[in-house]
Amino acid sequence: EGSVADISQRELLSRTMSSFAPIMAISIMRLFSLSNFFDDKKIYIGHIFFLVLLSAVISTLLKTFLVYDKAEKFLADPVGHIGSYLVGDMIGGIVFIYIGIKLSNLIFKRIK
């Protein structure tokens, strides 16, 4: 308990769940027909923000209940832990989308 191997395994699981959360969010959105940005030629920013929010919620809940459930250090304050991870995941997703939009605009301007 608390060894380097334990920490690295927990970190690997945490990163893996963070990577699969957007895939799960997209699957949920398609299953319940919550967005049509897969079929239309237009992208609605509201749908993207909902995708980021849903991904953040899924990632946070997976990390909280599957990865950090045995780590007393992380879950001494579960509400603070969930709030911190949720805000961090949402800000990270929004920043990623913003940078992606800016870079794609630069690339498309240079191509034309």
N, C-alpha and C. Protein backbone atom coordinates (compact mmCIF):
# COMPACT_ATOMS: atom_id res chain seq x y z
N GLU A 1 0.85 -1.19 0.00
CA GLU A 1 0.00 0.00 0.00
C GLU A 1 0.88 1.23 0.00
N GLY A 2 0.65 2.09 -0.97
CA GLY A 2 1.39 3.34 -1.03
C GLY A 2 2.72 3.24 -1.74
N SER A 3 3.02 2.08 -2.32
CA SER A 3 4.30 1.94 -3.00
C SER A 3 4.23 2.63 -4.36
N VAL A 4 5.39 2.72 -4.99
CA VAL A 4 5.46 3.35 -6.31
C VAL A 4 4.61 2.57 -7.32
N ALA A 5 4.63 1.24 -7.23
CA ALA A 5 3.84 0.42 -8.15
C ALA A 5 2.35 0.67 -7.98
N ASP A 6 1.91 0.82 -6.72
CA ASP A 6 0.50 1.09 -6.46
C ASP A 6 0.09 2.44 -7.02
N ILE A 7 0.92 3.44 -6.84
CA ILE A 7 0.62 4.78 -7.34
C ILE A 7 0.60 4.79 -8.86
N SER A 8 1.56 4.11 -9.48
CA SER A 8 1.60 4.12 -10.95
C SER A 8 0.43 3.34 -11.54
N GLN A 9 0.00 2.25 -10.88
CA GLN A 9 -1.17 1.52 -11.37
C GLN A 9 -2.42 2.38 -11.27
N ARG A 10 -2.56 3.09 -10.17
CA ARG A 10 -3.71 3.97 -9.99
C ARG A 10 -3.68 5.08 -11.03
N GLU A 11 -2.50 5.62 -11.30
CA GLU A 11 -2.37 6.69 -12.29
C GLU A 11 -2.68 6.17 -13.69
N LEU A 12 -2.23 4.98 -14.01
CA LEU A 12 -2.53 4.37 -15.31
C LEU A 12 -4.03 4.17 -15.49
N LEU A 13 -4.70 3.66 -14.46
CA LEU A 13 -6.15 3.49 -14.54
C LEU A 13 -6.86 4.83 -14.67
N SER A 14 -6.38 5.83 -13.94
CA SER A 14 -6.99 7.15 -14.00
C SER A 14 -6.87 7.75 -15.39
N ARG A 15 -5.70 7.65 -15.98
CA ARG A 15 -5.49 8.20 -17.33
C ARG A 15 -6.29 7.42 -18.38
N THR A 16 -6.38 6.11 -18.19
CA THR A 16 -7.15 5.30 -19.13
C THR A 16 -8.63 5.68 -19.08
N MET A 17 -9.15 5.87 -17.88
CA MET A 17 -10.56 6.26 -17.75
C MET A 17 -10.80 7.66 -18.30
N SER A 18 -9.82 8.54 -18.14
CA SER A 18 -9.95 9.88 -18.72
C SER A 18 -9.96 9.81 -20.24
N SER A 19 -9.25 8.86 -20.80
CA SER A 19 -9.22 8.71 -22.26
C SER A 19 -10.50 8.10 -22.80
N PHE A 20 -11.09 7.17 -22.06
CA PHE A 20 -12.31 6.51 -22.53
C PHE A 20 -13.58 7.30 -22.24
N ALA A 21 -13.51 8.29 -21.37
CA ALA A 21 -14.71 9.07 -21.02
C ALA A 21 -15.33 9.77 -22.23
N PRO A 22 -14.54 10.44 -23.10
CA PRO A 22 -15.17 11.05 -24.28
C PRO A 22 -15.80 10.03 -25.23
N ILE A 23 -15.19 8.87 -25.35
CA ILE A 23 -15.77 7.82 -26.20
C ILE A 23 -17.10 7.36 -25.63
N MET A 24 -17.14 7.19 -24.31
CA MET A 24 -18.38 6.80 -23.66
C MET A 24 -19.44 7.90 -23.78
N ALA A 25 -19.02 9.15 -23.66
CA ALA A 25 -19.95 10.28 -23.78
C ALA A 25 -20.53 10.35 -25.19
N ILE A 26 -19.70 10.16 -26.20
CA ILE A 26 -20.19 10.17 -27.58
C ILE A 26 -21.16 9.01 -27.80
N SER A 27 -20.84 7.85 -27.24
CA SER A 27 -21.74 6.69 -27.38
C SER A 27 -23.09 6.97 -26.72
N ILE A 28 -23.08 7.58 -25.55
CA ILE A 28 -24.33 7.92 -24.86
C ILE A 28 -25.11 8.95 -25.67
N MET A 29 -24.41 9.93 -26.22
CA MET A 29 -25.09 10.96 -27.02
C MET A 29 -25.72 10.35 -28.27
N ARG A 30 -25.06 9.42 -28.88
CA ARG A 30 -25.62 8.77 -30.08
C ARG A 30 -26.77 7.85 -29.71
N LEU A 31 -26.63 7.13 -28.58
CA LEU A 31 -27.66 6.20 -28.15
C LEU A 31 -28.98 6.91 -27.87
N PHE A 32 -28.90 8.06 -27.20
CA PHE A 32 -30.11 8.79 -26.83
C PHE A 32 -30.44 9.92 -27.81
N SER A 33 -29.75 9.98 -28.94
CA SER A 33 -29.97 11.02 -29.97
C SER A 33 -29.94 12.42 -29.38
N LEU A 34 -28.92 12.69 -28.57
CA LEU A 34 -28.79 13.99 -27.91
C LEU A 34 -28.14 15.03 -28.79
N SER A 35 -27.51 14.60 -29.86
CA SER A 35 -26.82 15.55 -30.72
C SER A 35 -26.85 15.04 -32.15
N ASN A 36 -26.82 15.97 -33.08
CA ASN A 36 -26.79 15.57 -34.48
C ASN A 36 -25.53 16.07 -35.17
N PHE A 37 -24.48 16.39 -34.40
CA PHE A 37 -23.28 16.88 -35.05
C PHE A 37 -22.48 15.76 -35.72
N PHE A 38 -22.98 14.53 -35.64
CA PHE A 38 -22.33 13.44 -36.36
C PHE A 38 -22.88 13.33 -37.78
N ASP A 39 -24.10 13.80 -38.00
CA ASP A 39 -24.76 13.63 -39.29
C ASP A 39 -24.80 14.91 -40.12
N ASP A 40 -24.95 16.05 -39.47
CA ASP A 40 -25.03 17.32 -40.19
C ASP A 40 -23.64 17.81 -40.58
N LYS A 41 -23.63 18.77 -41.47
CA LYS A 41 -22.35 19.36 -41.86
C LYS A 41 -21.97 20.51 -40.95
N LYS A 42 -22.88 20.91 -40.07
CA LYS A 42 -22.61 22.00 -39.14
C LYS A 42 -22.23 21.44 -37.78
N ILE A 43 -21.42 22.19 -37.07
CA ILE A 43 -21.06 21.84 -35.70
C ILE A 43 -21.62 22.93 -34.80
N TYR A 44 -22.43 22.52 -33.85
CA TYR A 44 -23.02 23.46 -32.91
C TYR A 44 -22.19 23.48 -31.63
N ILE A 45 -21.79 24.66 -31.22
CA ILE A 45 -20.90 24.79 -30.07
C ILE A 45 -21.59 24.30 -28.79
N GLY A 46 -22.90 24.42 -28.72
CA GLY A 46 -23.63 23.92 -27.55
C GLY A 46 -23.51 22.42 -27.40
N HIS A 47 -23.52 21.70 -28.53
CA HIS A 47 -23.36 20.25 -28.48
C HIS A 47 -21.95 19.88 -28.04
N ILE A 48 -20.97 20.66 -28.49
CA ILE A 48 -19.59 20.41 -28.08
C ILE A 48 -19.42 20.62 -26.58
N PHE A 49 -20.02 21.71 -26.07
CA PHE A 49 -19.93 21.96 -24.63
C PHE A 49 -20.65 20.88 -23.83
N PHE A 50 -21.77 20.38 -24.34
CA PHE A 50 -22.45 19.29 -23.66
C PHE A 50 -21.59 18.03 -23.67
N LEU A 51 -20.91 17.77 -24.78
CA LEU A 51 -19.99 16.64 -24.85
C LEU A 51 -18.87 16.77 -23.83
N VAL A 52 -18.32 17.97 -23.69
CA VAL A 52 -17.26 18.21 -22.70
C VAL A 52 -17.80 17.99 -21.30
N LEU A 53 -18.98 18.52 -21.01
CA LEU A 53 -19.59 18.36 -19.69
C LEU A 53 -19.86 16.89 -19.38
N LEU A 54 -20.46 16.18 -20.32
CA LEU A 54 -20.76 14.77 -20.10
C LEU A 54 -19.48 13.94 -19.94
N SER A 55 -18.46 14.24 -20.73
CA SER A 55 -17.17 13.56 -20.59
C SER A 55 -16.56 13.81 -19.23
N ALA A 56 -16.64 15.05 -18.76
CA ALA A 56 -16.08 15.38 -17.45
C ALA A 56 -16.81 14.64 -16.33
N VAL A 57 -18.13 14.57 -16.42
CA VAL A 57 -18.90 13.87 -15.40
C VAL A 57 -18.56 12.38 -15.40
N ILE A 58 -18.52 11.77 -16.57
CA ILE A 58 -18.20 10.35 -16.67
C ILE A 58 -16.80 10.08 -16.15
N SER A 59 -15.84 10.87 -16.56
CA SER A 59 -14.45 10.69 -16.13
C SER A 59 -14.32 10.84 -14.62
N THR A 60 -14.95 11.85 -14.07
CA THR A 60 -14.87 12.09 -12.63
C THR A 60 -15.50 10.96 -11.84
N LEU A 61 -16.67 10.52 -12.26
CA LEU A 61 -17.34 9.44 -11.53
C LEU A 61 -16.57 8.12 -11.65
N LEU A 62 -16.03 7.82 -12.83
CA LEU A 62 -15.23 6.61 -12.97
C LEU A 62 -13.99 6.64 -12.08
N LYS A 63 -13.31 7.78 -12.07
CA LYS A 63 -12.11 7.90 -11.23
C LYS A 63 -12.47 7.79 -9.75
N THR A 64 -13.54 8.44 -9.35
CA THR A 64 -13.91 8.46 -7.94
C THR A 64 -14.31 7.08 -7.44
N PHE A 65 -15.14 6.39 -8.18
CA PHE A 65 -15.69 5.15 -7.67
C PHE A 65 -14.91 3.90 -8.06
N LEU A 66 -14.07 3.97 -9.07
CA LEU A 66 -13.32 2.79 -9.48
C LEU A 66 -11.83 2.86 -9.18
N VAL A 67 -11.25 4.04 -9.22
CA VAL A 67 -9.81 4.15 -9.03
C VAL A 67 -9.47 4.55 -7.60
N TYR A 68 -10.11 5.60 -7.13
CA TYR A 68 -9.72 6.16 -5.84
C TYR A 68 -10.60 5.69 -4.69
N ASP A 69 -11.39 4.65 -4.88
CA ASP A 69 -12.29 4.21 -3.81
C ASP A 69 -11.54 3.64 -2.62
N LYS A 70 -10.35 3.10 -2.82
CA LYS A 70 -9.56 2.53 -1.73
C LYS A 70 -8.54 3.51 -1.16
N ALA A 71 -8.36 4.62 -1.81
CA ALA A 71 -7.33 5.57 -1.38
C ALA A 71 -7.96 6.58 -0.41
N GLU A 72 -7.74 6.37 0.86
CA GLU A 72 -8.33 7.25 1.87
C GLU A 72 -7.82 8.67 1.74
N LYS A 73 -6.58 8.82 1.28
CA LYS A 73 -6.00 10.15 1.13
C LYS A 73 -6.79 10.99 0.13
N PHE A 74 -7.25 10.36 -0.94
CA PHE A 74 -7.97 11.09 -1.98
C PHE A 74 -9.43 11.32 -1.60
N LEU A 75 -10.02 10.36 -0.89
CA LEU A 75 -11.44 10.45 -0.61
C LEU A 75 -11.75 10.84 0.83
N ALA A 76 -10.85 11.54 1.49
CA ALA A 76 -11.15 12.05 2.82
C ALA A 76 -12.28 13.06 2.72
N ASP A 77 -12.32 13.80 1.62
CA ASP A 77 -13.39 14.77 1.34
C ASP A 77 -13.95 14.46 -0.05
N PRO A 78 -14.91 13.54 -0.15
CA PRO A 78 -15.39 13.13 -1.48
C PRO A 78 -16.01 14.27 -2.29
N VAL A 79 -16.73 15.17 -1.64
CA VAL A 79 -17.36 16.26 -2.37
C VAL A 79 -16.30 17.19 -2.96
N GLY A 80 -15.27 17.48 -2.18
CA GLY A 80 -14.18 18.31 -2.68
C GLY A 80 -13.43 17.63 -3.81
N HIS A 81 -13.24 16.31 -3.68
CA HIS A 81 -12.55 15.54 -4.71
C HIS A 81 -13.34 15.56 -6.01
N ILE A 82 -14.63 15.28 -5.93
CA ILE A 82 -15.47 15.27 -7.13
C ILE A 82 -15.52 16.66 -7.76
N GLY A 83 -15.70 17.68 -6.93
CA GLY A 83 -15.75 19.05 -7.45
C GLY A 83 -14.46 19.46 -8.13
N SER A 84 -13.35 19.11 -7.51
CA SER A 84 -12.04 19.47 -8.07
C SER A 84 -11.80 18.78 -9.40
N TYR A 85 -12.05 17.49 -9.46
CA TYR A 85 -11.84 16.75 -10.70
C TYR A 85 -12.81 17.18 -11.78
N LEU A 86 -14.06 17.45 -11.40
CA LEU A 86 -15.06 17.86 -12.39
C LEU A 86 -14.69 19.19 -13.02
N VAL A 87 -14.31 20.16 -12.21
CA VAL A 87 -13.91 21.47 -12.74
C VAL A 87 -12.65 21.33 -13.60
N GLY A 88 -11.69 20.55 -13.14
CA GLY A 88 -10.46 20.35 -13.90
C GLY A 88 -10.70 19.69 -15.24
N ASP A 89 -11.55 18.68 -15.26
CA ASP A 89 -11.87 18.00 -16.53
C ASP A 89 -12.63 18.91 -17.48
N MET A 90 -13.55 19.73 -16.94
CA MET A 90 -14.31 20.64 -17.80
C MET A 90 -13.41 21.72 -18.38
N ILE A 91 -12.56 22.32 -17.55
CA ILE A 91 -11.65 23.35 -18.05
C ILE A 91 -10.69 22.76 -19.07
N GLY A 92 -10.17 21.58 -18.78
CA GLY A 92 -9.26 20.93 -19.72
C GLY A 92 -9.91 20.64 -21.06
N GLY A 93 -11.15 20.17 -21.04
CA GLY A 93 -11.87 19.90 -22.28
C GLY A 93 -12.15 21.15 -23.08
N ILE A 94 -12.56 22.21 -22.39
CA ILE A 94 -12.85 23.47 -23.09
C ILE A 94 -11.59 24.07 -23.68
N VAL A 95 -10.48 24.03 -22.94
CA VAL A 95 -9.22 24.55 -23.46
C VAL A 95 -8.76 23.73 -24.66
N PHE A 96 -8.92 22.41 -24.60
CA PHE A 96 -8.54 21.55 -25.71
C PHE A 96 -9.35 21.89 -26.96
N ILE A 97 -10.65 22.07 -26.82
CA ILE A 97 -11.50 22.42 -27.95
C ILE A 97 -11.13 23.79 -28.50
N TYR A 98 -10.88 24.75 -27.62
CA TYR A 98 -10.51 26.11 -28.05
C TYR A 98 -9.21 26.09 -28.85
N ILE A 99 -8.20 25.40 -28.35
CA ILE A 99 -6.92 25.32 -29.06
C ILE A 99 -7.10 24.59 -30.39
N GLY A 100 -7.91 23.53 -30.39
CA GLY A 100 -8.18 22.81 -31.64
C GLY A 100 -8.84 23.68 -32.68
N ILE A 101 -9.79 24.51 -32.26
CA ILE A 101 -10.46 25.42 -33.20
C ILE A 101 -9.48 26.44 -33.75
N LYS A 102 -8.66 27.02 -32.89
CA LYS A 102 -7.69 28.03 -33.33
C LYS A 102 -6.67 27.42 -34.29
N LEU A 103 -6.16 26.23 -33.97
CA LEU A 103 -5.18 25.60 -34.85
C LEU A 103 -5.80 25.19 -36.19
N SER A 104 -7.02 24.69 -36.16
CA SER A 104 -7.65 24.30 -37.42
C SER A 104 -7.92 25.52 -38.30
N ASN A 105 -8.28 26.65 -37.69
CA ASN A 105 -8.46 27.87 -38.48
C ASN A 105 -7.15 28.30 -39.13
N LEU A 106 -6.05 28.22 -38.39
CA LEU A 106 -4.74 28.58 -38.97
C LEU A 106 -4.37 27.64 -40.11
N ILE A 107 -4.59 26.36 -39.93
CA ILE A 107 -4.24 25.39 -40.96
C ILE A 107 -5.08 25.60 -42.21
N PHE A 108 -6.39 25.81 -42.04
CA PHE A 108 -7.26 26.01 -43.20
C PHE A 108 -6.96 27.31 -43.92
N LYS A 109 -6.55 28.35 -43.21
CA LYS A 109 -6.18 29.61 -43.85
C LYS A 109 -4.92 29.45 -44.69
N ARG A 110 -3.97 28.67 -44.20
CA ARG A 110 -2.73 28.46 -44.95
C ARG A 110 -2.95 27.58 -46.17
N ILE A 111 -3.88 26.66 -46.09
CA ILE A 111 -4.16 25.78 -47.22
C ILE A 111 -4.80 26.57 -48.36
N LYS A 112 -5.67 27.51 -48.04
CA LYS A 112 -6.35 28.31 -49.07
C LYS A 112 -5.40 29.28 -49.62
